[in-house]
PDB file of N, CA and C in Angstrom:
ATOM      1  N   MET A   1     100.584  92.106 105.957  1.00  0.00           N
ATOM      2  CA  MET A   1      99.853  92.071 104.715  1.00  0.00           C
ATOM      3  C   MET A   1      98.462  91.496 105.008  1.00  0.00           C
ATOM      4  N   ALA A   2      97.453  92.162 104.515  1.00  0.00           N
ATOM      5  CA  ALA A   2      96.086  91.724 104.751  1.00  0.00           C
ATOM      6  C   ALA A   2      95.827  90.403 104.035  1.00  0.00           C
ATOM      7  N   ARG A   3      94.871  89.677 104.549  1.00  0.00           N
ATOM      8  CA  ARG A   3      94.553  88.362 103.989  1.00  0.00           C
ATOM      9  C   ARG A   3      94.132  88.462 102.521  1.00  0.00           C
ATOM     10  N   ARG A   4      93.346  89.493 102.196  1.00  0.00           N
ATOM     11  CA  ARG A   4      92.902  89.662 100.819  1.00  0.00           C
ATOM     12  C   ARG A   4      94.083  89.960  99.896  1.00  0.00           C
ATOM     13  N   ASP A   5      95.006  90.780 100.361  1.00  0.00           N
ATOM     14  CA  ASP A   5      96.189  91.082  99.552  1.00  0.00           C
ATOM     15  C   ASP A   5      97.033  89.841  99.332  1.00  0.00           C
ATOM     16  N   ARG A   6      97.161  89.034 100.351  1.00  0.00           N
ATOM     17  CA  ARG A   6      97.927  87.789 100.226  1.00  0.00           C
ATOM     18  C   ARG A   6      97.265  86.876  99.191  1.00  0.00           C
ATOM     19  N   GLY A   7      95.943  86.812  99.240  1.00  0.00           N
ATOM     20  CA  GLY A   7      95.218  85.990  98.279  1.00  0.00           C
ATOM     21  C   GLY A   7      95.376  86.505  96.855  1.00  0.00           C
ATOM     22  N   LEU A   8      95.304  87.836  96.685  1.00  0.00           N
ATOM     23  CA  LEU A   8      95.501  88.412  95.353  1.00  0.00           C
ATOM     24  C   LEU A   8      96.912  88.161  94.846  1.00  0.00           C
ATOM     25  N   LEU A   9      97.882  88.239  95.732  1.00  0.00           N
ATOM     26  CA  LEU A   9      99.265  87.992  95.335  1.00  0.00           C
ATOM     27  C   LEU A   9      99.462  86.532  94.915  1.00  0.00           C
ATOM     28  N   LEU A  10      98.887  85.605  95.665  1.00  0.00           N
ATOM     29  CA  LEU A  10      98.976  84.189  95.286  1.00  0.00           C
ATOM     30  C   LEU A  10      98.270  83.924  93.960  1.00  0.00           C
ATOM     31  N   LEU A  11      97.119  84.571  93.756  1.00  0.00           N
ATOM     32  CA  LEU A  11      96.407  84.433  92.491  1.00  0.00           C
ATOM     33  C   LEU A  11      97.249  84.981  91.340  1.00  0.00           C
ATOM     34  N   ALA A  12      97.892  86.123  91.562  1.00  0.00           N
ATOM     35  CA  ALA A  12      98.742  86.717  90.529  1.00  0.00           C
ATOM     36  C   ALA A  12      99.904  85.791  90.178  1.00  0.00           C
ATOM     37  N   ILE A  13     100.509  85.191  91.181  1.00  0.00           N
ATOM     38  CA  ILE A  13     101.631  84.268  90.933  1.00  0.00           C
ATOM     39  C   ILE A  13     101.156  83.050  90.152  1.00  0.00           C
ATOM     40  N   ALA A  14     100.000  82.503  90.535  1.00  0.00           N
ATOM     41  CA  ALA A  14      99.458  81.335  89.836  1.00  0.00           C
ATOM     42  C   ALA A  14      99.110  81.676  88.385  1.00  0.00           C
ATOM     43  N   LEU A  15      98.473  82.828  88.172  1.00  0.00           N
ATOM     44  CA  LEU A  15      98.118  83.234  86.815  1.00  0.00           C
ATOM     45  C   LEU A  15      99.369  83.446  85.962  1.00  0.00           C
ATOM     46  N   ALA A  16     100.395  84.051  86.540  1.00  0.00           N
ATOM     47  CA  ALA A  16     101.638  84.275  85.800  1.00  0.00           C
ATOM     48  C   ALA A  16     102.294  82.943  85.427  1.00  0.00           C
ATOM     49  N   ALA A  17     102.287  82.001  86.345  1.00  0.00           N
ATOM     50  CA  ALA A  17     102.898  80.692  86.068  1.00  0.00           C
ATOM     51  C   ALA A  17     102.143  79.965  84.953  1.00  0.00           C
ATOM     52  N   VAL A  18     100.820  79.953  85.039  1.00  0.00           N
ATOM     53  CA  VAL A  18     100.018  79.305  83.994  1.00  0.00           C
ATOM     54  C   VAL A  18     100.219  80.034  82.664  1.00  0.00           C
ATOM     55  N   GLY A  19     100.233  81.361  82.713  1.00  0.00           N
ATOM     56  CA  GLY A  19     100.436  82.137  81.501  1.00  0.00           C
ATOM     57  C   GLY A  19     101.771  81.839  80.837  1.00  0.00           C
ATOM     58  N   LEU A  20     102.818  81.713  81.649  1.00  0.00           N
ATOM     59  CA  LEU A  20     104.138  81.394  81.084  1.00  0.00           C
ATOM     60  C   LEU A  20     104.152  80.024  80.415  1.00  0.00           C
ATOM     61  N   VAL A  21     103.503  79.053  81.049  1.00  0.00           N
ATOM     62  CA  VAL A  21     103.432  77.713  80.457  1.00  0.00           C
ATOM     63  C   VAL A  21     102.655  77.761  79.144  1.00  0.00           C
ATOM     64  N   TRP A  22     101.538  78.478  79.140  1.00  0.00           N
ATOM     65  CA  TRP A  22     100.731  78.553  77.926  1.00  0.00           C
ATOM     66  C   TRP A  22     101.467  79.267  76.805  1.00  0.00           C
ATOM     67  N   VAL A  23     102.216  80.319  77.138  1.00  0.00           N
ATOM     68  CA  VAL A  23     103.022  80.998  76.120  1.00  0.00           C
ATOM     69  C   VAL A  23     104.070  80.030  75.577  1.00  0.00           C
ATOM     70  N   GLY A  24     104.707  79.298  76.474  1.00  0.00           N
ATOM     71  CA  GLY A  24     105.708  78.318  76.043  1.00  0.00           C
ATOM     72  C   GLY A  24     105.128  77.240  75.157  1.00  0.00           C
ATOM     73  N   GLN A  25     103.957  76.743  75.498  1.00  0.00           N
ATOM     74  CA  GLN A  25     103.326  75.717  74.675  1.00  0.00           C
ATOM     75  C   GLN A  25     102.836  76.291  73.349  1.00  0.00           C
ATOM     76  N   GLY A  26     102.243  77.470  73.415  1.00  0.00           N
ATOM     77  CA  GLY A  26     101.717  78.077  72.196  1.00  0.00           C
ATOM     78  C   GLY A  26     102.791  78.418  71.183  1.00  0.00           C
ATOM     79  N   THR A  27     103.957  78.808  71.662  1.00  0.00           N
ATOM     80  CA  THR A  27     105.060  79.134  70.756  1.00  0.00           C
ATOM     81  C   THR A  27     105.889  77.907  70.380  1.00  0.00           C
ATOM     82  N   GLY A  28     105.632  76.777  71.010  1.00  0.00           N
ATOM     83  CA  GLY A  28     106.376  75.561  70.713  1.00  0.00           C
ATOM     84  C   GLY A  28     107.662  75.432  71.498  1.00  0.00           C
ATOM     85  N   THR A  29     107.911  76.361  72.426  1.00  0.00           N
ATOM     86  CA  THR A  29     109.114  76.291  73.257  1.00  0.00           C
ATOM     87  C   THR A  29     109.038  75.100  74.200  1.00  0.00           C
ATOM     88  N   ILE A  30     107.867  74.865  74.766  1.00  0.00           N
ATOM     89  CA  ILE A  30     107.627  73.692  75.600  1.00  0.00           C
ATOM     90  C   ILE A  30     106.966  72.652  74.710  1.00  0.00           C
ATOM     91  N   ARG A  31     107.655  71.599  74.467  1.00  0.00           N
ATOM     92  CA  ARG A  31     107.166  70.568  73.559  1.00  0.00           C
ATOM     93  C   ARG A  31     106.226  69.612  74.285  1.00  0.00           C
ATOM     94  N   GLY A  32     105.317  69.069  73.531  1.00  0.00           N
ATOM     95  CA  GLY A  32     104.389  68.095  74.065  1.00  0.00           C
ATOM     96  C   GLY A  32     103.535  67.549  72.939  1.00  0.00           C
ATOM     97  N   SER A  33     102.608  66.693  73.291  1.00  0.00           N
ATOM     98  CA  SER A  33     101.756  66.095  72.268  1.00  0.00           C
ATOM     99  C   SER A  33     100.333  66.616  72.370  1.00  0.00           C
ATOM    100  N   GLY A  34     100.126  67.643  73.170  1.00  0.00           N
ATOM    101  CA  GLY A  34      98.777  68.161  73.376  1.00  0.00           C
ATOM    102  C   GLY A  34      98.325  69.096  72.274  1.00  0.00           C
ATOM    103  N   PHE A  35      97.066  69.479  72.361  1.00  0.00           N
ATOM    104  CA  PHE A  35      96.464  70.343  71.357  1.00  0.00           C
ATOM    105  C   PHE A  35      96.974  71.779  71.426  1.00  0.00           C
ATOM    106  N   MET A  36      97.602  72.157  72.541  1.00  0.00           N
ATOM    107  CA  MET A  36      98.062  73.532  72.709  1.00  0.00           C
ATOM    108  C   MET A  36      99.425  73.780  72.061  1.00  0.00           C
ATOM    109  N   THR A  37     100.188  72.726  71.853  1.00  0.00           N
ATOM    110  CA  THR A  37     101.557  72.861  71.366  1.00  0.00           C
ATOM    111  C   THR A  37     101.574  73.424  69.951  1.00  0.00           C
ATOM    112  N   GLY A  38     102.264  74.538  69.782  1.00  0.00           N
ATOM    113  CA  GLY A  38     102.419  75.149  68.478  1.00  0.00           C
ATOM    114  C   GLY A  38     101.229  75.979  68.015  1.00  0.00           C
ATOM    115  N   ASP A  39     100.218  76.150  68.862  1.00  0.00           N
ATOM    116  CA  ASP A  39      99.032  76.938  68.509  1.00  0.00           C
ATOM    117  C   ASP A  39      99.182  78.336  69.107  1.00  0.00           C
ATOM    118  N   ILE A  40      99.411  79.310  68.258  1.00  0.00           N
ATOM    119  CA  ILE A  40      99.730  80.666  68.704  1.00  0.00           C
ATOM    120  C   ILE A  40      98.602  81.299  69.508  1.00  0.00           C
ATOM    121  N   ARG A  41      97.380  80.818  69.338  1.00  0.00           N
ATOM    122  CA  ARG A  41      96.261  81.355  70.124  1.00  0.00           C
ATOM    123  C   ARG A  41      96.501  81.154  71.615  1.00  0.00           C
ATOM    124  N   TRP A  42      97.093  80.032  71.988  1.00  0.00           N
ATOM    125  CA  TRP A  42      97.361  79.777  73.402  1.00  0.00           C
ATOM    126  C   TRP A  42      98.463  80.684  73.927  1.00  0.00           C
ATOM    127  N   ALA A  43      99.384  81.059  73.065  1.00  0.00           N
ATOM    128  CA  ALA A  43     100.407  82.023  73.471  1.00  0.00           C
ATOM    129  C   ALA A  43      99.759  83.373  73.757  1.00  0.00           C
ATOM    130  N   ALA A  44      98.782  83.755  72.933  1.00  0.00           N
ATOM    131  CA  ALA A  44      98.081  85.022  73.154  1.00  0.00           C
ATOM    132  C   ALA A  44      97.278  84.984  74.453  1.00  0.00           C
ATOM    133  N   VAL A  45      96.589  83.877  74.714  1.00  0.00           N
ATOM    134  CA  VAL A  45      95.826  83.745  75.958  1.00  0.00           C
ATOM    135  C   VAL A  45      96.783  83.783  77.154  1.00  0.00           C
ATOM    136  N   GLY A  46      97.932  83.155  77.020  1.00  0.00           N
ATOM    137  CA  GLY A  46      98.931  83.180  78.085  1.00  0.00           C
ATOM    138  C   GLY A  46      99.434  84.584  78.361  1.00  0.00           C
ATOM    139  N   MET A  47      99.613  85.364  77.323  1.00  0.00           N
ATOM    140  CA  MET A  47     100.055  86.752  77.508  1.00  0.00           C
ATOM    141  C   MET A  47      98.989  87.567  78.237  1.00  0.00           C
ATOM    142  N   VAL A  48      97.730  87.314  77.925  1.00  0.00           N
ATOM    143  CA  VAL A  48      96.643  88.001  78.628  1.00  0.00           C
ATOM    144  C   VAL A  48      96.689  87.646  80.116  1.00  0.00           C
ATOM    145  N   LEU A  49      96.902  86.380  80.434  1.00  0.00           N
ATOM    146  CA  LEU A  49      97.004  85.971  81.837  1.00  0.00           C
ATOM    147  C   LEU A  49      98.174  86.653  82.535  1.00  0.00           C
ATOM    148  N   ILE A  50      99.279  86.787  81.847  1.00  0.00           N
ATOM    149  CA  ILE A  50     100.446  87.450  82.434  1.00  0.00           C
ATOM    150  C   ILE A  50     100.141  88.917  82.708  1.00  0.00           C
ATOM    151  N   VAL A  51      99.460  89.571  81.784  1.00  0.00           N
ATOM    152  CA  VAL A  51      99.096  90.979  81.983  1.00  0.00           C
ATOM    153  C   VAL A  51      98.157  91.118  83.177  1.00  0.00           C
ATOM    154  N   VAL A  52      97.177  90.223  83.288  1.00  0.00           N
ATOM    155  CA  VAL A  52      96.259  90.257  84.436  1.00  0.00           C
ATOM    156  C   VAL A  52      97.035  90.046  85.733  1.00  0.00           C
ATOM    157  N   ALA A  53      98.005  89.144  85.721  1.00  0.00           N
ATOM    158  CA  ALA A  53      98.813  88.890  86.913  1.00  0.00           C
ATOM    159  C   ALA A  53      99.609  90.131  87.310  1.00  0.00           C
ATOM    160  N   VAL A  54     100.160  90.827  86.332  1.00  0.00           N
ATOM    161  CA  VAL A  54     100.922  92.043  86.622  1.00  0.00           C
ATOM    162  C   VAL A  54     100.010  93.114  87.211  1.00  0.00           C
ATOM    163  N   VAL A  55      98.803  93.244  86.665  1.00  0.00           N
ATOM    164  CA  VAL A  55      97.850  94.222  87.186  1.00  0.00           C
ATOM    165  C   VAL A  55      97.477  93.884  88.628  1.00  0.00           C
ATOM    166  N   LEU A  56      97.183  92.626  88.901  1.00  0.00           N
ATOM    167  CA  LEU A  56      96.842  92.230  90.275  1.00  0.00           C
ATOM    168  C   LEU A  56      98.008  92.473  91.225  1.00  0.00           C
ATOM    169  N   GLY A  57      99.219  92.141  90.790  1.00  0.00           N
ATOM    170  CA  GLY A  57     100.393  92.405  91.617  1.00  0.00           C
ATOM    171  C   GLY A  57     100.581  93.892  91.865  1.00  0.00           C
ATOM    172  N   GLY A  58     100.310  94.701  90.854  1.00  0.00           N
ATOM    173  CA  GLY A  58     100.400  96.150  91.020  1.00  0.00           C
ATOM    174  C   GLY A  58      99.384  96.676  92.015  1.00  0.00           C
ATOM    175  N   ILE A  59      98.186  96.120  91.994  1.00  0.00           N
ATOM    176  CA  ILE A  59      97.163  96.520  92.959  1.00  0.00           C
ATOM    177  C   ILE A  59      97.631  96.239  94.377  1.00  0.00           C
ATOM    178  N   VAL A  60      98.223  95.079  94.581  1.00  0.00           N
ATOM    179  CA  VAL A  60      98.709  94.722  95.922  1.00  0.00           C
ATOM    180  C   VAL A  60      99.819  95.684  96.344  1.00  0.00           C
ATOM    181  N   LEU A  61     100.728  95.994  95.443  1.00  0.00           N
ATOM    182  CA  LEU A  61     101.827  96.905  95.788  1.00  0.00           C
ATOM    183  C   LEU A  61     101.322  98.303  96.115  1.00  0.00           C
ATOM    184  N   VAL A  62     100.358  98.789  95.361  1.00  0.00           N
ATOM    185  CA  VAL A  62      99.799 100.122  95.633  1.00  0.00           C
ATOM    186  C   VAL A  62      99.105 100.133  96.981  1.00  0.00           C
ATOM    187  N   ARG A  63      98.388  99.083  97.312  1.00  0.00           N
ATOM    188  CA  ARG A  63      97.717  98.999  98.626  1.00  0.00           C
ATOM    189  C   ARG A  63      98.729  98.991  99.763  1.00  0.00           C
ATOM    190  N   ARG A  64      99.843  98.300  99.565  1.00  0.00           N
ATOM    191  CA  ARG A  64     100.844  98.218 100.628  1.00  0.00           C
ATOM    192  C   ARG A  64     101.532  99.546 100.871  1.00  0.00           C
ATOM    193  N   ARG A  65     101.686 100.338  99.815  1.00  0.00           N
ATOM    194  CA  ARG A  65     102.343 101.641  99.961  1.00  0.00           C
ATOM    195  C   ARG A  65     101.458 102.617 100.720  1.00  0.00           C
ATOM    196  N   GLY A  66     100.151 102.486 100.527  1.00  0.00           N
ATOM    197  CA  GLY A  66      99.232 103.395 101.189  1.00  0.00           C
ATOM    198  C   GLY A  66      99.148 104.730 100.470  1.00  0.00           C
ATOM    199  N   PRO A  67      98.339 105.630 100.989  1.00  0.00           N
ATOM    200  CA  PRO A  67      98.204 106.931 100.343  1.00  0.00           C
ATOM    201  C   PRO A  67      99.486 107.754 100.493  1.00  0.00           C
ATOM    202  N   SER A  68      99.793 108.511  99.452  1.00  0.00           N
ATOM    203  CA  SER A  68     101.032 109.305  99.503  1.00  0.00           C
ATOM    204  C   SER A  68     100.767 110.753  99.847  1.00  0.00           C
TER     205      SER A  68
END
């Protein structure tokens, strides 16, 4: 796996993890005393991060398969 692909994959994993936490906080699933807890806007931002992570992961997978 090329270095750039590895970096994109790590970025995708990090974005997905942050996105999941933000969705959890925004929906109130992850409780806390912060400003994000229970604010649905953060759940929406988290979903956007998850979508970006999936797109980046898809790019890496397409590159690994090569031309068909």
